[in-house]
Amino acid sequence: MPMGPEKRLEALGRPREDQWLERKSLRVAPEVLARSIVGFANAEGGLIVLGLSDGVVEDASHYASRVNAVRRVPHTHCAPPPRARFHEVEVPGGTLLVIDVPPGDTLHETTNGECYLRVGDSITKLTATQREELAYDRGAAQFEARAVADVTVADLDSGLLAQLRTGMGSGLEDTKMLAARSLLTPSGGVTVAAYLLFHEHPQELMPHAHIRVLRHLSSEAGTGSRQSVMEGGDVRIEGAIEPSLRQATALLDEWVPKRQALRDDGRFGPVPVVPRDAWLEGLVNAVVHRSYSMAGDHIRVAVFPDRVEIESPGRFPGVVDPSRPLEIARYARNPRIARVCNDLGITQERGEGIRRIVDEMRLSGLEDPVYRQTSGSVRLTLFGNTRLSEKVAASLPTGAQDVLRILRSVRQPMGTGEIADAVGLARPATIRALKALQQINEVQWRGTSKQDPRATWSLPEL
């Protein structure tokens, strides 16, 4: 808004459409516009620029009746009505109508009962199951929008705010800039999201909002006198989100084990046993999407000689199957934090996070990432184990690779029934999978007889 007309046109018309920007003609049908408004409100919010179609300015001042109808769309075609803000913006050639849609704190839908979500540069209609997941997550999203008592904009770090100003390309003063990212309450209070992002030490009021990084000597964590944490290998990282991520990344660059291998530059040298892009994506996802409302828990990153484990407070939304990570839909638990992290260059927020982790592991010839969900957290395990060859994998019965991933994730002996429950297979199918893995020496059986009720399966090294 502080820009001159020509710069405004460039700022609104030049960038490609993405998670937070969409351009439409002023002649758009109300029901079509309603889908976009609902989609942005159910995601991280964003801008809808009306009157800029194929680079041509449609002067809103010539469409008075159309503009009036557009302004009513949030109330006539959306339920409940999103808190959309309308701005008439002067640019060379006329006036544009810009709709600023903040992220919603509840589930929004169109008046005909359809639910939409902005994913990347498109609006996606949700299935009944996806809608259930999103409704679950909207409850958690309310927490980051709450006001932090006795904290004002003046208490936030000016250097961190300057980073946001640079990332946004904005000349706005602090209060207006924070409001533009929905980081202030309607009454001007500092939200939890703003506090976590821009206070020098948010752990003063939220001591659980930190990252703990552990470095282990062996593949087993151990307990008591047998625990394997190295001396000096337990570091607690505090501070705002961006500097905490920067510090944790530097520490993991140092601690993740390396092996001698052929690098991308064609020379032999040290290569991390787990690809950097994979564990970094996992770390960023944990920080951006964790449940900050769970005051009794924090993010843990455990570095072992053969793997990296990242555990984050908060479960996946709704009825997600963690054993099928590529099918997990993209819903930001903390949409305000997610959008600002994109402004700061921390994330891209294209819904590619899990896909990228899987791709990086596969490109390195390693096992797929394993997600396990506990009663209150999600744990991502990135193994340095080589993937089974396509020929071997194709010869295994259905579910065998899922069984192997479970045993590698748990790192302790399990009974046949436990394994069957964990992978969702019938007991006979689980036994067939285990015996096939036993034949290629990927698992071993321990028991006194075939009928031993205490018999277990484990990895060979255990």
Protein backbone atom coordinates (compact mmCIF):
# COMPACT_ATOMS: atom_id res chain seq x y z
CA MET A 1 0.00 0.00 0.00
CA PRO A 2 2.81 2.56 0.64
CA MET A 3 4.18 1.87 -2.87
CA GLY A 4 3.57 4.13 -5.85
CA PRO A 5 1.02 2.98 -8.47
CA GLU A 6 3.61 1.49 -10.87
CA LYS A 7 5.35 -0.52 -8.13
CA ARG A 8 1.99 -1.72 -6.84
CA LEU A 9 1.12 -3.05 -10.29
CA GLU A 10 4.47 -4.83 -10.52
CA ALA A 11 4.14 -6.26 -6.99
CA LEU A 12 0.64 -7.61 -7.67
CA GLY A 13 1.00 -8.57 -11.31
CA ARG A 14 4.53 -9.89 -11.73
CA PRO A 15 4.97 -12.71 -9.14
CA ARG A 16 3.71 -16.13 -10.14
CA GLU A 17 0.55 -17.34 -8.40
CA ASP A 18 1.36 -19.46 -5.37
CA GLN A 19 0.11 -20.49 -1.94
CA TRP A 20 -0.75 -16.89 -1.05
CA LEU A 21 -1.54 -15.12 -4.32
CA GLU A 22 -4.26 -15.54 -6.93
CA ARG A 23 -5.39 -13.25 -9.74
CA LYS A 24 -8.88 -13.23 -11.23
CA SER A 25 -11.04 -11.15 -13.53
CA LEU A 26 -13.63 -8.85 -11.99
CA ARG A 27 -16.17 -10.83 -14.01
CA VAL A 28 -15.57 -13.96 -11.91
CA ALA A 29 -18.77 -15.72 -10.82
CA PRO A 30 -19.58 -15.30 -7.10
CA GLU A 31 -19.62 -19.06 -6.46
CA VAL A 32 -16.16 -19.43 -8.07
CA LEU A 33 -14.77 -16.56 -6.01
CA ALA A 34 -16.28 -18.10 -2.87
CA ARG A 35 -14.22 -21.27 -3.44
CA SER A 36 -11.02 -19.21 -3.54
CA ILE A 37 -11.92 -17.24 -0.41
CA VAL A 38 -12.78 -20.44 1.47
CA GLY A 39 -9.62 -22.13 0.19
CA PHE A 40 -7.35 -19.32 1.43
CA ALA A 41 -9.16 -19.09 4.78
CA ASN A 42 -8.75 -22.83 5.34
CA ALA A 43 -5.02 -22.63 4.51
CA GLU A 44 -2.56 -19.84 5.43
CA GLY A 45 -4.56 -16.93 4.07
CA GLY A 46 -3.48 -14.79 1.11
CA LEU A 47 -4.38 -12.18 -1.47
CA ILE A 48 -6.91 -12.43 -4.30
CA VAL A 49 -6.31 -9.69 -6.87
CA LEU A 50 -9.44 -8.90 -8.88
CA GLY A 51 -9.21 -6.88 -12.09
CA LEU A 52 -5.87 -8.15 -13.33
CA SER A 53 -6.57 -10.76 -15.98
CA ASP A 54 -3.76 -11.89 -18.33
CA GLY A 55 -1.76 -8.80 -17.44
CA VAL A 56 -4.56 -6.41 -18.46
CA VAL A 57 -6.03 -4.04 -15.87
CA GLU A 58 -9.82 -4.07 -15.59
CA ASP A 59 -10.66 -0.76 -13.95
CA ALA A 60 -12.85 -1.56 -10.94
CA SER A 61 -14.32 1.95 -11.06
CA HIS A 62 -16.17 0.87 -14.23
CA TYR A 63 -17.70 -2.15 -12.48
CA ALA A 64 -19.47 -0.56 -9.51
CA SER A 65 -22.30 -3.10 -9.34
CA ARG A 66 -19.85 -6.00 -9.77
CA VAL A 67 -17.60 -4.66 -6.98
CA ASN A 68 -20.57 -4.40 -4.63
CA ALA A 69 -21.57 -7.99 -5.40
CA VAL A 70 -17.98 -9.17 -4.82
CA ARG A 71 -17.84 -7.48 -1.43
CA ARG A 72 -20.89 -9.47 -0.36
CA VAL A 73 -19.51 -12.88 -1.39
CA PRO A 74 -17.96 -13.79 2.01
CA HIS A 75 -21.38 -13.31 3.59
CA THR A 76 -23.63 -14.62 0.83
CA HIS A 77 -21.63 -17.60 -0.40
CA CYS A 78 -19.41 -18.70 2.55
CA ALA A 79 -20.22 -20.26 5.91
CA PRO A 80 -19.16 -19.08 8.38
CA PRO A 81 -18.12 -15.84 6.66
CA PRO A 82 -14.29 -15.48 6.54
CA ARG A 83 -12.89 -12.19 7.84
CA ALA A 84 -11.92 -10.93 4.36
CA ARG A 85 -10.67 -7.36 3.98
CA PHE A 86 -11.23 -5.43 0.72
CA HIS A 87 -8.86 -2.76 -0.63
CA GLU A 88 -9.24 -0.62 -3.74
CA VAL A 89 -5.70 -0.15 -5.05
CA GLU A 90 -4.78 2.48 -7.64
CA VAL A 91 -2.44 1.29 -10.41
CA PRO A 92 -1.64 2.61 -13.90
CA GLY A 93 -4.72 1.96 -15.99
CA GLY A 94 -7.29 1.99 -13.20
CA THR A 95 -8.20 0.50 -9.85
CA LEU A 96 -7.77 -3.09 -8.67
CA LEU A 97 -9.84 -4.73 -5.96
CA VAL A 98 -7.60 -6.71 -3.60
CA ILE A 99 -9.14 -9.18 -1.16
CA ASP A 100 -6.93 -9.90 1.85
CA VAL A 101 -8.03 -13.22 3.38
CA PRO A 102 -6.49 -14.05 6.79
CA PRO A 103 -6.19 -17.68 7.91
CA GLY A 104 -9.36 -18.82 9.62
CA ASP A 105 -9.60 -20.19 13.13
CA THR A 106 -12.40 -22.55 12.17
CA LEU A 107 -13.43 -24.63 9.17
CA HIS A 108 -14.99 -22.62 6.33
CA GLU A 109 -17.10 -23.92 3.47
CA THR A 110 -19.29 -22.60 0.69
CA THR A 111 -23.01 -22.23 1.32
CA ASN A 112 -23.68 -25.34 -0.79
CA GLY A 113 -21.68 -27.39 1.73
CA GLU A 114 -18.43 -27.84 -0.22
CA CYS A 115 -15.04 -27.42 1.45
CA TYR A 116 -11.90 -26.15 -0.31
CA LEU A 117 -8.22 -25.70 0.52
CA ARG A 118 -5.51 -23.62 -1.16
CA VAL A 119 -2.61 -25.94 -2.00
CA GLY A 120 0.23 -24.41 -4.01
CA ASP A 121 -1.28 -22.39 -6.86
CA SER A 122 -4.64 -24.14 -6.98
CA ILE A 123 -7.86 -24.54 -5.03
CA THR A 124 -8.56 -28.17 -4.07
CA LYS A 125 -11.96 -29.56 -3.18
CA LEU A 126 -11.68 -31.77 -0.10
CA THR A 127 -13.15 -35.22 0.34
CA ALA A 128 -15.19 -36.06 3.44
CA THR A 129 -12.12 -37.62 5.08
CA GLN A 130 -9.88 -34.66 4.21
CA ARG A 131 -12.52 -32.29 5.54
CA GLU A 132 -12.54 -34.22 8.83
CA GLU A 133 -8.77 -33.89 9.05
CA LEU A 134 -8.90 -30.17 8.37
CA ALA A 135 -11.63 -29.60 10.96
CA TYR A 136 -9.43 -31.36 13.51
CA ASP A 137 -6.45 -29.16 12.64
CA ARG A 138 -8.36 -25.89 12.71
CA GLY A 139 -8.84 -26.41 16.46
CA ALA A 140 -5.07 -26.44 16.94
CA ALA A 141 -4.69 -23.41 14.67
CA GLN A 142 -6.58 -21.29 17.16
CA PHE A 143 -3.70 -21.46 19.63
CA GLU A 144 -1.18 -19.53 17.52
CA ALA A 145 -3.80 -16.80 16.99
CA ARG A 146 -4.28 -16.16 20.73
CA ALA A 147 -2.94 -13.03 22.36
CA VAL A 148 0.08 -13.27 24.67
CA ALA A 149 -0.69 -11.43 27.88
CA ASP A 150 1.42 -8.37 28.76
CA VAL A 151 3.46 -8.50 25.53
CA THR A 152 3.39 -5.58 23.08
CA VAL A 153 4.93 -4.94 19.66
CA ALA A 154 7.62 -2.89 21.40
CA ASP A 155 8.76 -6.07 23.18
CA LEU A 156 9.58 -7.81 19.89
CA ASP A 157 13.10 -7.92 18.47
CA SER A 158 13.68 -5.14 15.92
CA GLY A 159 16.35 -7.15 14.09
CA LEU A 160 14.02 -10.11 13.57
CA LEU A 161 11.24 -7.78 12.42
CA ALA A 162 13.66 -6.21 9.95
CA GLN A 163 14.23 -9.68 8.45
CA LEU A 164 10.50 -10.02 7.85
CA ARG A 165 10.35 -6.56 6.30
CA THR A 166 13.11 -7.54 3.89
CA GLY A 167 11.47 -10.87 3.11
CA MET A 168 8.11 -9.23 2.40
CA GLY A 169 9.69 -6.38 0.44
CA SER A 170 7.59 -4.12 2.61
CA GLY A 171 7.99 -0.53 3.74
CA LEU A 172 5.33 -0.88 6.41
CA GLU A 173 6.05 0.02 10.01
CA ASP A 174 6.06 -2.84 12.51
CA THR A 175 2.41 -2.81 13.61
CA LYS A 176 0.99 -2.65 10.09
CA MET A 177 3.45 -5.27 8.86
CA LEU A 178 2.47 -7.69 11.62
CA ALA A 179 -1.21 -7.02 10.98
CA ALA A 180 -0.67 -7.76 7.29
CA ARG A 181 0.45 -11.27 8.27
CA SER A 182 -2.41 -11.73 10.78
CA LEU A 183 0.12 -11.73 13.63
CA LEU A 184 -1.90 -9.30 15.76
CA THR A 185 -5.33 -9.88 17.26
CA PRO A 186 -8.21 -7.62 16.10
CA SER A 187 -7.55 -5.47 19.18
CA GLY A 188 -3.82 -5.17 18.38
CA GLY A 189 -2.47 -7.78 20.80
CA VAL A 190 0.66 -9.79 19.98
CA THR A 191 -0.28 -13.35 19.02
CA VAL A 192 1.48 -16.53 20.08
CA ALA A 193 2.77 -16.84 16.49
CA ALA A 194 4.33 -13.37 16.57
CA TYR A 195 5.83 -14.04 19.99
CA LEU A 196 7.47 -17.28 18.86
CA LEU A 197 8.75 -15.70 15.67
CA PHE A 198 9.97 -12.32 16.85
CA HIS A 199 10.62 -12.29 20.58
CA GLU A 200 14.30 -12.63 21.46
CA HIS A 201 13.58 -15.31 24.06
CA PRO A 202 10.02 -16.70 23.81
CA GLN A 203 10.95 -19.42 26.33
CA GLU A 204 10.33 -16.84 29.06
CA LEU A 205 6.60 -17.54 28.75
CA MET A 206 6.73 -20.76 26.69
CA PRO A 207 9.63 -22.83 28.08
CA HIS A 208 8.57 -25.87 26.04
CA ALA A 209 9.18 -24.06 22.73
CA HIS A 210 12.75 -25.25 22.28
CA ILE A 211 14.75 -27.83 20.32
CA ARG A 212 16.76 -30.51 22.11
CA VAL A 213 19.52 -32.19 20.06
CA LEU A 214 21.10 -35.43 21.31
CA ARG A 215 24.14 -37.26 19.94
CA HIS A 216 24.44 -41.00 20.65
CA LEU A 217 27.52 -43.22 20.61
CA SER A 218 25.65 -46.37 19.58
CA SER A 219 22.52 -47.37 17.70
CA GLU A 220 20.66 -47.94 20.98
CA ALA A 221 19.66 -45.01 23.18
CA GLY A 222 19.95 -47.08 26.36
CA THR A 223 18.70 -46.09 29.81
CA GLY A 224 20.25 -45.10 33.11
CA SER A 225 23.93 -46.03 33.36
CA ARG A 226 23.72 -47.65 29.91
CA GLN A 227 22.48 -44.62 28.01
CA SER A 228 24.59 -43.84 24.95
CA VAL A 229 24.46 -40.01 24.84
CA MET A 230 27.96 -38.67 24.27
CA GLU A 231 29.58 -36.27 26.72
CA GLY A 232 28.49 -32.81 25.60
CA GLY A 233 25.99 -34.44 23.28
CA ASP A 234 22.81 -33.03 24.83
CA VAL A 235 22.16 -29.46 23.71
CA ARG A 236 19.06 -27.36 24.34
CA ILE A 237 18.50 -24.64 21.72
CA GLU A 238 16.36 -21.64 22.63
CA GLY A 239 15.37 -18.38 21.01
CA ALA A 240 12.98 -17.30 18.25
CA ILE A 241 12.13 -19.76 15.50
CA GLU A 242 14.52 -18.58 12.77
CA PRO A 243 17.69 -18.28 14.88
CA SER A 244 16.86 -21.55 16.67
CA LEU A 245 16.57 -23.35 13.35
CA ARG A 246 19.83 -21.81 12.18
CA GLN A 247 21.66 -22.95 15.32
CA ALA A 248 20.16 -26.45 15.23
CA THR A 249 21.09 -26.81 11.55
CA ALA A 250 24.70 -25.84 12.23
CA LEU A 251 24.90 -28.37 15.08
CA LEU A 252 23.43 -31.18 12.98
CA ASP A 253 25.81 -30.36 10.12
CA GLU A 254 28.57 -31.13 12.61
CA TRP A 255 26.98 -34.12 14.36
CA VAL A 256 25.30 -36.18 11.61
CA PRO A 257 27.79 -39.03 10.92
CA LYS A 258 29.62 -39.07 7.60
CA ARG A 259 31.09 -41.80 5.46
CA GLN A 260 33.62 -41.73 2.65
CA ALA A 261 31.77 -41.87 -0.67
CA LEU A 262 31.55 -40.42 -4.17
CA ARG A 263 30.08 -36.92 -3.94
CA ASP A 264 28.03 -34.96 -6.45
CA ASP A 265 31.19 -33.17 -7.62
CA GLY A 266 32.60 -36.51 -8.79
CA ARG A 267 35.21 -36.77 -6.03
CA PHE A 268 35.41 -39.00 -3.01
CA GLY A 269 34.91 -37.29 0.31
CA PRO A 270 32.77 -37.17 3.46
CA VAL A 271 29.05 -37.68 2.77
CA PRO A 272 26.37 -37.65 5.52
CA VAL A 273 24.88 -41.09 6.21
CA VAL A 274 21.50 -39.35 6.02
CA PRO A 275 21.11 -36.70 3.26
CA ARG A 276 21.25 -33.14 4.57
CA ASP A 277 18.18 -32.01 2.63
CA ALA A 278 16.15 -34.87 4.14
CA TRP A 279 16.94 -34.21 7.82
CA LEU A 280 16.76 -30.43 7.30
CA GLU A 281 13.28 -30.69 5.78
CA GLY A 282 12.24 -32.92 8.68
CA LEU A 283 13.62 -30.45 11.23
CA VAL A 284 11.90 -27.46 9.62
CA ASN A 285 8.60 -29.33 9.39
CA ALA A 286 8.84 -30.23 13.08
CA VAL A 287 9.42 -26.62 14.15
CA VAL A 288 6.85 -25.02 11.84
CA HIS A 289 4.05 -27.56 12.29
CA ARG A 290 4.45 -28.78 15.88
CA SER A 291 1.66 -28.31 18.40
CA TYR A 292 2.76 -25.34 20.50
CA SER A 293 -0.32 -25.75 22.67
CA MET A 294 1.24 -28.89 24.21
CA ALA A 295 3.12 -27.15 27.02
CA GLY A 296 4.71 -30.28 28.46
CA ASP A 297 6.77 -31.34 25.46
CA HIS A 298 9.47 -30.11 23.09
CA ILE A 299 11.11 -31.08 19.79
CA ARG A 300 13.81 -33.76 20.05
CA VAL A 301 16.40 -34.56 17.41
CA ALA A 302 18.44 -37.69 18.14
CA VAL A 303 21.54 -38.42 16.06
CA PHE A 304 22.64 -42.07 16.00
CA PRO A 305 25.50 -43.66 14.04
CA ASP A 306 23.01 -45.17 11.59
CA ARG A 307 20.02 -42.80 11.61
CA VAL A 308 18.45 -39.47 12.61
CA GLU A 309 15.19 -39.32 14.60
CA ILE A 310 13.06 -36.16 14.83
CA GLU A 311 10.13 -36.16 17.25
CA SER A 312 7.63 -33.33 17.34
CA PRO A 313 4.72 -32.69 19.77
CA GLY A 314 1.29 -33.11 18.20
CA ARG A 315 -0.28 -35.86 16.15
CA PHE A 316 -1.11 -35.87 12.46
CA PRO A 317 -4.55 -34.36 11.82
CA GLY A 318 -7.57 -36.63 11.79
CA VAL A 319 -7.49 -40.13 10.35
CA VAL A 320 -4.02 -40.16 8.78
CA ASP A 321 -2.15 -43.43 8.16
CA PRO A 322 1.51 -42.68 9.11
CA SER A 323 2.68 -45.82 7.28
CA ARG A 324 1.71 -44.13 3.99
CA PRO A 325 3.53 -40.78 4.24
CA LEU A 326 3.02 -39.80 0.61
CA GLU A 327 -0.75 -39.88 1.18
CA ILE A 328 -0.64 -37.44 4.11
CA ALA A 329 -2.44 -34.28 3.01
CA ARG A 330 -0.88 -30.87 3.58
CA TYR A 331 -2.52 -28.95 6.41
CA ALA A 332 -0.58 -26.33 8.32
CA ARG A 333 -1.26 -26.55 12.03
CA ASN A 334 0.26 -23.08 12.42
CA PRO A 335 -0.70 -21.20 9.23
CA ARG A 336 0.64 -17.82 10.42
CA ILE A 337 4.01 -19.27 11.38
CA ALA A 338 4.14 -21.21 8.09
CA ARG A 339 3.54 -18.12 5.99
CA VAL A 340 6.12 -15.99 7.79
CA CYS A 341 8.68 -18.80 7.53
CA ASN A 342 8.14 -18.66 3.78
CA ASP A 343 8.73 -14.89 3.84
CA LEU A 344 11.98 -15.53 5.73
CA GLY A 345 13.10 -18.14 3.21
CA ILE A 346 12.90 -21.01 5.70
CA THR A 347 10.20 -22.93 3.82
CA GLN A 348 8.64 -23.00 0.37
CA GLU A 349 5.23 -24.24 1.57
CA ARG A 350 4.23 -25.93 -1.65
CA GLY A 351 2.96 -29.07 0.00
CA GLU A 352 6.15 -30.88 -1.02
CA GLY A 353 7.80 -31.42 2.38
CA ILE A 354 7.17 -35.14 2.87
CA ARG A 355 7.58 -35.84 -0.85
CA ARG A 356 10.94 -34.08 -0.79
CA ILE A 357 12.15 -36.15 2.16
CA VAL A 358 11.13 -39.37 0.41
CA ASP A 359 12.79 -38.30 -2.85
CA GLU A 360 16.05 -37.31 -1.14
CA MET A 361 16.25 -40.66 0.65
CA ARG A 362 15.51 -42.62 -2.51
CA LEU A 363 18.00 -40.61 -4.58
CA SER A 364 20.64 -41.59 -2.02
CA GLY A 365 19.62 -45.23 -2.29
CA LEU A 366 18.33 -45.29 1.29
CA GLU A 367 15.22 -46.65 3.00
CA ASP A 368 12.05 -44.56 2.85
CA PRO A 369 11.46 -42.34 5.89
CA VAL A 370 9.42 -43.93 8.67
CA TYR A 371 6.72 -41.98 10.53
CA ARG A 372 5.37 -43.31 13.81
CA GLN A 373 2.59 -41.67 15.76
CA THR A 374 2.41 -41.89 19.53
CA SER A 375 -0.41 -40.67 21.75
CA GLY A 376 0.95 -37.14 21.63
CA SER A 377 3.70 -36.84 19.01
CA VAL A 378 5.00 -37.80 15.58
CA ARG A 379 8.46 -39.33 15.16
CA LEU A 380 10.29 -39.26 11.84
CA THR A 381 13.15 -41.74 11.45
CA LEU A 382 15.66 -41.36 8.62
CA PHE A 383 17.80 -44.48 8.27
CA GLY A 384 21.21 -44.75 6.70
CA ASN A 385 20.26 -48.29 5.61
CA THR A 386 20.46 -49.10 1.92
CA ARG A 387 17.12 -49.76 0.25
CA LEU A 388 16.31 -53.25 -0.87
CA SER A 389 17.02 -53.72 -4.57
CA GLU A 390 14.00 -53.56 -6.87
CA LYS A 391 14.47 -57.23 -7.71
CA VAL A 392 14.48 -58.30 -4.06
CA ALA A 393 11.60 -55.97 -3.15
CA ALA A 394 9.49 -57.35 -6.00
CA SER A 395 10.02 -60.91 -4.75
CA LEU A 396 8.72 -60.15 -1.24
CA PRO A 397 5.08 -60.76 -0.25
CA THR A 398 2.69 -57.87 0.38
CA GLY A 399 3.53 -55.90 3.51
CA ALA A 400 7.07 -57.25 3.93
CA GLN A 401 8.73 -53.86 3.44
CA ASP A 402 6.31 -52.27 5.93
CA VAL A 403 7.24 -54.97 8.45
CA LEU A 404 10.94 -54.25 7.92
CA ARG A 405 10.41 -50.51 8.37
CA ILE A 406 8.57 -51.08 11.64
CA LEU A 407 11.34 -53.25 13.07
CA ARG A 408 13.96 -50.74 11.96
CA SER A 409 11.98 -47.92 13.54
CA VAL A 410 11.32 -49.63 16.88
CA ARG A 411 14.86 -51.05 17.17
CA GLN A 412 13.76 -53.72 19.62
CA PRO A 413 12.31 -57.26 19.42
CA MET A 414 8.58 -57.51 18.71
CA GLY A 415 6.10 -60.36 18.79
CA THR A 416 4.25 -61.44 15.68
CA GLY A 417 0.97 -60.02 16.98
CA GLU A 418 2.57 -56.67 17.79
CA ILE A 419 3.99 -56.45 14.28
CA ALA A 420 0.66 -57.39 12.71
CA ASP A 421 -1.10 -54.65 14.66
CA ALA A 422 1.57 -52.09 13.79
CA VAL A 423 1.41 -52.64 10.03
CA GLY A 424 -2.30 -53.46 9.81
CA LEU A 425 -1.84 -56.94 8.35
CA ALA A 426 -3.61 -60.17 9.22
CA ARG A 427 -1.48 -62.54 11.28
CA PRO A 428 -0.99 -65.12 8.45
CA ALA A 429 0.13 -62.38 6.05
CA THR A 430 2.50 -61.01 8.69
CA ILE A 431 4.06 -64.45 9.22
CA ARG A 432 4.57 -64.87 5.46
CA ALA A 433 6.27 -61.46 5.31
CA LEU A 434 8.52 -62.22 8.28
CA LYS A 435 9.61 -65.59 6.91
CA ALA A 436 10.43 -64.03 3.56
CA LEU A 437 12.56 -61.39 5.28
CA GLN A 438 14.22 -64.09 7.37
CA GLN A 439 15.26 -65.93 4.21
CA ILE A 440 17.19 -62.88 2.96
CA ASN A 441 18.72 -62.28 6.44
CA GLU A 442 16.90 -59.00 7.09
CA VAL A 443 15.24 -60.24 10.30
CA GLN A 444 15.81 -63.01 12.82
CA TRP A 445 13.49 -65.09 15.01
CA ARG A 446 14.13 -65.89 18.67
CA GLY A 447 12.15 -68.44 20.62
CA THR A 448 12.33 -71.83 22.33
CA SER A 449 9.83 -73.53 20.00
CA LYS A 450 7.40 -72.79 17.19
CA GLN A 451 4.62 -72.49 19.78
CA ASP A 452 6.60 -70.20 22.13
CA PRO A 453 4.16 -67.35 22.99
CA ARG A 454 7.13 -65.14 23.96
CA ALA A 455 8.98 -65.60 20.65
CA THR A 456 10.10 -62.38 18.97
CA TRP A 457 11.37 -61.00 15.69
CA SER A 458 14.14 -58.44 15.44
CA LEU A 459 16.87 -57.06 13.20
CA PRO A 460 19.94 -59.30 12.91
CA GLU A 461 22.21 -56.99 14.90
CA LEU A 462 19.83 -57.06 17.88
